[in-house]
Amino acid sequence: MLERLINAALFQVGWLACVLGGNSLWLLLALAVLVIHLGWISSWAAEGRLILCVVIVGTAVDSVLRAAGVFDFQDPAPLIPLWLMLLWALLATTLRHCLQWSARPWWLAGVLGAVGGAASYYAGGRLAGVQFPYGELPTLIGIGLLWALLLPLLHTMARRLSH
């Protein structure tokens, strides 16, 4: 139980460092959170493949959304910013720990993904200055629907990569 609370607290610290710091030295704090997780709660051997897979999937999903004009970042790069990629890595650290309770039944992950995904993008967008060109409400509804599918998929990845 204590491990899950520490994992959740570490994720929140990393989330804030990424969202508030953007591509600045604050990313070192988020990176430190990842290192602490891998050294104290888990290990690279246990979760390295999961973290890499989640970063790849997350970067692809958010980069497609960016290319489709759903997000408007300040920089003109084709991929999402580094801080958002690191945020995906931090999310991966929660799947087998503080978010493990939401893995089964699958619909629980869907509900959490819909509500939590939209809320996270809303808060992150506000704090990081990310714009939603299609409007806030339609974007958040779309993100919620996407995350209703995405979080169960991420839990499936976590389960399959643990064997």
Protein backbone atom coordinates (compact mmCIF):
# COMPACT_ATOMS: atom_id res chain seq x y z
CA MET A 1 0.00 0.00 0.00
CA LEU A 2 2.79 2.41 0.91
CA GLU A 3 4.53 1.65 -2.41
CA ARG A 4 1.39 2.67 -4.31
CA LEU A 5 1.09 5.93 -2.39
CA ILE A 6 4.74 6.75 -3.04
CA ASN A 7 4.26 5.87 -6.71
CA ALA A 8 1.24 8.17 -6.95
CA ALA A 9 3.09 11.01 -5.19
CA LEU A 10 6.13 10.60 -7.42
CA PHE A 11 3.92 10.65 -10.51
CA GLN A 12 2.25 13.89 -9.35
CA VAL A 13 5.62 15.56 -8.76
CA GLY A 14 6.80 14.44 -12.20
CA TRP A 15 3.52 15.52 -13.84
CA LEU A 16 3.81 19.00 -12.34
CA ALA A 17 7.49 19.30 -13.31
CA CYS A 18 6.68 18.36 -16.91
CA VAL A 19 3.57 20.50 -17.29
CA LEU A 20 4.82 23.59 -15.47
CA GLY A 21 8.43 23.35 -16.60
CA GLY A 22 7.97 22.40 -20.24
CA ASN A 23 11.25 21.80 -22.05
CA SER A 24 13.36 23.39 -19.33
CA LEU A 25 15.64 22.24 -16.55
CA TRP A 26 12.50 21.19 -14.65
CA LEU A 27 12.62 18.06 -16.80
CA LEU A 28 15.56 16.99 -14.64
CA LEU A 29 13.15 16.75 -11.70
CA ALA A 30 10.76 14.62 -13.77
CA LEU A 31 13.69 12.47 -14.88
CA ALA A 32 14.77 12.14 -11.23
CA VAL A 33 11.25 10.92 -10.40
CA LEU A 34 11.62 8.24 -13.08
CA VAL A 35 15.04 7.21 -11.73
CA ILE A 36 13.72 7.10 -8.14
CA HIS A 37 10.82 4.91 -9.27
CA LEU A 38 13.15 2.53 -11.08
CA GLY A 39 15.59 2.40 -8.17
CA TRP A 40 13.23 2.25 -5.23
CA ILE A 41 9.86 0.90 -6.35
CA SER A 42 10.72 -1.15 -9.41
CA SER A 43 13.61 -1.63 -11.83
CA TRP A 44 14.53 -1.12 -15.46
CA ALA A 45 14.60 -4.91 -15.89
CA ALA A 46 11.02 -5.16 -14.62
CA GLU A 47 9.49 -2.14 -16.36
CA GLY A 48 11.88 -0.90 -19.03
CA ARG A 49 10.05 -2.51 -21.95
CA LEU A 50 6.70 -1.24 -20.66
CA ILE A 51 8.02 2.30 -20.28
CA LEU A 52 9.49 2.29 -23.79
CA CYS A 53 6.29 0.84 -25.32
CA VAL A 54 4.07 3.37 -23.53
CA VAL A 55 6.32 6.25 -24.64
CA ILE A 56 6.17 5.03 -28.25
CA VAL A 57 2.39 4.57 -28.20
CA GLY A 58 1.81 7.85 -26.37
CA THR A 59 4.14 9.82 -28.60
CA ALA A 60 2.45 8.38 -31.68
CA VAL A 61 -1.07 9.09 -30.38
CA ASP A 62 -0.34 12.65 -29.26
CA SER A 63 1.73 13.40 -32.38
CA VAL A 64 -1.18 12.29 -34.59
CA LEU A 65 -3.51 14.50 -32.53
CA ARG A 66 -1.02 17.35 -32.92
CA ALA A 67 -0.80 16.82 -36.69
CA ALA A 68 -4.60 16.77 -36.87
CA GLY A 69 -4.67 20.17 -35.18
CA VAL A 70 -6.19 18.99 -31.91
CA PHE A 71 -3.30 20.51 -29.93
CA ASP A 72 -1.39 23.67 -30.67
CA PHE A 73 2.04 23.86 -29.07
CA GLN A 74 4.41 26.81 -29.34
CA ASP A 75 7.14 24.92 -31.18
CA PRO A 76 6.74 23.84 -34.84
CA ALA A 77 8.22 20.32 -34.44
CA PRO A 78 6.30 17.39 -35.95
CA LEU A 79 6.40 15.35 -32.73
CA ILE A 80 5.10 16.28 -29.31
CA PRO A 81 7.46 18.16 -26.98
CA LEU A 82 9.99 16.25 -24.90
CA TRP A 83 8.15 17.12 -21.67
CA LEU A 84 5.05 15.33 -22.94
CA MET A 85 7.08 12.27 -23.95
CA LEU A 86 8.53 12.14 -20.44
CA LEU A 87 5.01 12.42 -19.07
CA TRP A 88 4.11 9.25 -20.97
CA ALA A 89 7.10 7.50 -19.37
CA LEU A 90 5.90 8.61 -15.95
CA LEU A 91 2.40 7.34 -16.70
CA ALA A 92 3.88 3.95 -17.54
CA THR A 93 5.32 3.74 -14.02
CA THR A 94 1.81 3.86 -12.55
CA LEU A 95 0.25 1.00 -14.53
CA ARG A 96 1.60 -1.80 -12.33
CA HIS A 97 1.48 0.23 -9.15
CA CYS A 98 -0.92 3.01 -8.12
CA LEU A 99 -3.25 2.50 -11.13
CA GLN A 100 -3.20 -1.28 -11.01
CA TRP A 101 -6.61 -1.28 -9.29
CA SER A 102 -8.16 0.06 -12.49
CA ALA A 103 -6.92 -2.76 -14.73
CA ARG A 104 -9.79 -5.18 -14.09
CA PRO A 105 -12.53 -5.21 -14.98
CA TRP A 106 -11.56 -3.54 -18.28
CA TRP A 107 -14.50 -1.11 -18.16
CA LEU A 108 -13.10 0.41 -14.97
CA ALA A 109 -9.97 1.43 -16.88
CA GLY A 110 -12.25 2.77 -19.61
CA VAL A 111 -14.18 4.96 -17.19
CA LEU A 112 -11.02 6.15 -15.45
CA GLY A 113 -9.41 6.82 -18.83
CA ALA A 114 -12.39 8.83 -20.05
CA VAL A 115 -12.64 11.00 -16.95
CA GLY A 116 -9.00 11.10 -15.87
CA GLY A 117 -7.59 11.46 -19.37
CA ALA A 118 -9.80 14.42 -20.22
CA ALA A 119 -9.17 16.03 -16.82
CA SER A 120 -5.41 15.60 -17.15
CA TYR A 121 -5.34 17.12 -20.64
CA TYR A 122 -7.56 19.97 -19.48
CA ALA A 123 -5.38 20.78 -16.47
CA GLY A 124 -2.15 20.19 -18.36
CA GLY A 125 -3.31 22.34 -21.26
CA ARG A 126 -4.22 25.18 -18.92
CA LEU A 127 -0.95 25.03 -17.00
CA ALA A 128 1.32 24.47 -20.02
CA GLY A 129 -0.41 26.95 -22.31
CA VAL A 130 -1.42 24.33 -24.87
CA GLN A 131 -4.26 25.49 -27.09
CA PHE A 132 -7.21 23.41 -28.29
CA PRO A 133 -8.06 24.90 -31.72
CA TYR A 134 -11.28 22.87 -32.14
CA GLY A 135 -12.61 24.25 -28.88
CA GLU A 136 -12.16 23.05 -25.36
CA LEU A 137 -15.34 21.02 -24.87
CA PRO A 138 -15.28 19.10 -28.18
CA THR A 139 -11.57 18.39 -27.70
CA LEU A 140 -12.01 17.12 -24.16
CA ILE A 141 -14.94 14.91 -25.17
CA GLY A 142 -12.82 13.45 -27.96
CA ILE A 143 -9.87 12.95 -25.64
CA GLY A 144 -12.14 11.31 -23.08
CA LEU A 145 -13.43 8.87 -25.69
CA LEU A 146 -9.90 8.15 -26.89
CA TRP A 147 -8.68 7.53 -23.33
CA ALA A 148 -11.65 5.25 -22.64
CA LEU A 149 -9.96 2.94 -25.17
CA LEU A 150 -6.35 3.87 -24.50
CA LEU A 151 -6.10 3.14 -20.77
CA PRO A 152 -7.46 -0.43 -21.10
CA LEU A 153 -4.97 -0.92 -23.96
CA LEU A 154 -2.11 0.34 -21.78
CA HIS A 155 -3.15 -2.01 -18.98
CA THR A 156 -3.19 -4.89 -21.50
CA MET A 157 0.34 -3.93 -22.55
CA ALA A 158 1.43 -3.84 -18.91
CA ARG A 159 -0.04 -7.28 -18.29
CA ARG A 160 1.48 -8.84 -21.42
CA LEU A 161 4.91 -7.30 -20.91
CA SER A 162 5.09 -8.57 -17.33
CA HIS A 163 5.34 -12.21 -18.39
